[in-house]
């Protein structure tokens, strides 16, 4: 018996409406994710390419550097 059949068998034995509704929500959410493909805008694509170029050229910060920069930024506010 495959996983799909096992799931169907178990679901058929569930009587609790709340549990069934939760399962339906999960299934619907999964189906929505499969159908929905996000299309990047030109601006988003350009930002990604710019970020990749920054990485190639070493324009990056460590996590510690980012914390220091962020702390300084908050102090100025």
C-alpha atoms as a PDB file:
ATOM      1  CA  UNK A   1       0.000   0.000   0.000  1.00  0.00           C
ATOM      2  CA  UNK A   2       1.419   3.364  -1.032  1.00  0.00           C
ATOM      3  CA  UNK A   3       1.561   6.487   1.093  1.00  0.00           C
ATOM      4  CA  UNK A   4      -1.410   8.049  -0.684  1.00  0.00           C
ATOM      5  CA  UNK A   5      -3.568   5.020   0.023  1.00  0.00           C
ATOM      6  CA  UNK A   6      -2.464   4.970   3.667  1.00  0.00           C
ATOM      7  CA  UNK A   7      -3.411   8.626   4.045  1.00  0.00           C
ATOM      8  CA  UNK A   8      -6.792   8.093   2.396  1.00  0.00           C
ATOM      9  CA  UNK A   9      -7.515   5.127   4.662  1.00  0.00           C
ATOM     10  CA  UNK A  10      -6.661   7.098   7.799  1.00  0.00           C
ATOM     11  CA  UNK A  11      -8.661  10.157   6.691  1.00  0.00           C
ATOM     12  CA  UNK A  12     -11.703   7.980   6.033  1.00  0.00           C
ATOM     13  CA  UNK A  13     -11.630   6.936   9.688  1.00  0.00           C
ATOM     14  CA  UNK A  14     -11.479  10.480  11.094  1.00  0.00           C
ATOM     15  CA  UNK A  15     -14.793  11.647  12.540  1.00  0.00           C
ATOM     16  CA  UNK A  16     -13.700  14.946  14.087  1.00  0.00           C
ATOM     17  CA  UNK A  17     -14.845  17.826  11.837  1.00  0.00           C
ATOM     18  CA  UNK A  18     -12.161  20.217  13.125  1.00  0.00           C
ATOM     19  CA  UNK A  19      -9.409  17.778  12.260  1.00  0.00           C
ATOM     20  CA  UNK A  20     -10.883  17.241   8.802  1.00  0.00           C
ATOM     21  CA  UNK A  21     -11.123  20.985   8.234  1.00  0.00           C
ATOM     22  CA  UNK A  22      -7.460  21.423   9.234  1.00  0.00           C
ATOM     23  CA  UNK A  23      -6.444  18.672   6.848  1.00  0.00           C
ATOM     24  CA  UNK A  24      -8.419  20.309   4.061  1.00  0.00           C
ATOM     25  CA  UNK A  25      -6.713  23.643   4.747  1.00  0.00           C
ATOM     26  CA  UNK A  26      -3.305  21.979   4.545  1.00  0.00           C
ATOM     27  CA  UNK A  27      -4.179  20.225   1.292  1.00  0.00           C
ATOM     28  CA  UNK A  28      -5.595  23.408  -0.239  1.00  0.00           C
ATOM     29  CA  UNK A  29      -2.537  25.400   0.792  1.00  0.00           C
ATOM     30  CA  UNK A  30      -0.269  22.805  -0.813  1.00  0.00           C
ATOM     31  CA  UNK A  31      -2.285  22.837  -4.029  1.00  0.00           C
ATOM     32  CA  UNK A  32      -2.228  26.636  -4.110  1.00  0.00           C
ATOM     33  CA  UNK A  33       1.573  26.587  -3.777  1.00  0.00           C
ATOM     34  CA  UNK A  34       1.915  24.179  -6.674  1.00  0.00           C
ATOM     35  CA  UNK A  35      -0.253  26.293  -8.947  1.00  0.00           C
ATOM     36  CA  UNK A  36       1.136  29.689  -8.022  1.00  0.00           C
ATOM     37  CA  UNK A  37       4.396  30.701  -9.667  1.00  0.00           C
ATOM     38  CA  UNK A  38       5.711  34.092  -8.671  1.00  0.00           C
ATOM     39  CA  UNK A  39       7.003  36.156 -11.567  1.00  0.00           C
ATOM     40  CA  UNK A  40       9.819  38.540 -10.718  1.00  0.00           C
ATOM     41  CA  UNK A  41       9.494  42.107 -11.890  1.00  0.00           C
ATOM     42  CA  UNK A  42      12.307  43.689 -13.908  1.00  0.00           C
ATOM     43  CA  UNK A  43      13.273  45.693 -10.823  1.00  0.00           C
ATOM     44  CA  UNK A  44      13.467  42.544  -8.694  1.00  0.00           C
ATOM     45  CA  UNK A  45      15.583  40.779 -11.322  1.00  0.00           C
ATOM     46  CA  UNK A  46      17.901  43.776 -11.542  1.00  0.00           C
ATOM     47  CA  UNK A  47      18.277  43.821  -7.742  1.00  0.00           C
ATOM     48  CA  UNK A  48      19.161  40.123  -7.685  1.00  0.00           C
ATOM     49  CA  UNK A  49      21.723  40.553 -10.456  1.00  0.00           C
ATOM     50  CA  UNK A  50      23.202  43.551  -8.635  1.00  0.00           C
ATOM     51  CA  UNK A  51      23.475  41.516  -5.439  1.00  0.00           C
ATOM     52  CA  UNK A  52      25.174  38.658  -7.285  1.00  0.00           C
ATOM     53  CA  UNK A  53      27.646  41.124  -8.774  1.00  0.00           C
ATOM     54  CA  UNK A  54      28.309  42.581  -5.309  1.00  0.00           C
ATOM     55  CA  UNK A  55      29.135  39.088  -4.047  1.00  0.00           C
ATOM     56  CA  UNK A  56      31.487  38.416  -6.983  1.00  0.00           C
ATOM     57  CA  UNK A  57      33.299  41.701  -6.337  1.00  0.00           C
ATOM     58  CA  UNK A  58      33.550  41.149  -2.591  1.00  0.00           C
ATOM     59  CA  UNK A  59      31.144  43.898  -1.574  1.00  0.00           C
ATOM     60  CA  UNK A  60      29.753  41.949   1.368  1.00  0.00           C
ATOM     61  CA  UNK A  61      29.698  42.167   5.171  1.00  0.00           C
ATOM     62  CA  UNK A  62      30.014  39.540   7.858  1.00  0.00           C
ATOM     63  CA  UNK A  63      27.141  39.074  10.279  1.00  0.00           C
ATOM     64  CA  UNK A  64      29.204  40.834  12.950  1.00  0.00           C
ATOM     65  CA  UNK A  65      29.804  43.819  10.651  1.00  0.00           C
ATOM     66  CA  UNK A  66      26.099  44.022   9.879  1.00  0.00           C
ATOM     67  CA  UNK A  67      25.281  44.058  13.603  1.00  0.00           C
ATOM     68  CA  UNK A  68      27.723  46.926  14.163  1.00  0.00           C
ATOM     69  CA  UNK A  69      26.328  48.881  11.215  1.00  0.00           C
ATOM     70  CA  UNK A  70      22.780  48.285  12.426  1.00  0.00           C
ATOM     71  CA  UNK A  71      23.630  49.269  16.002  1.00  0.00           C
ATOM     72  CA  UNK A  72      25.198  52.512  14.797  1.00  0.00           C
ATOM     73  CA  UNK A  73      22.194  53.234  12.611  1.00  0.00           C
ATOM     74  CA  UNK A  74      19.811  52.771  15.568  1.00  0.00           C
ATOM     75  CA  UNK A  75      21.938  55.011  17.792  1.00  0.00           C
ATOM     76  CA  UNK A  76      21.630  57.854  15.290  1.00  0.00           C
ATOM     77  CA  UNK A  77      17.842  57.663  15.228  1.00  0.00           C
END
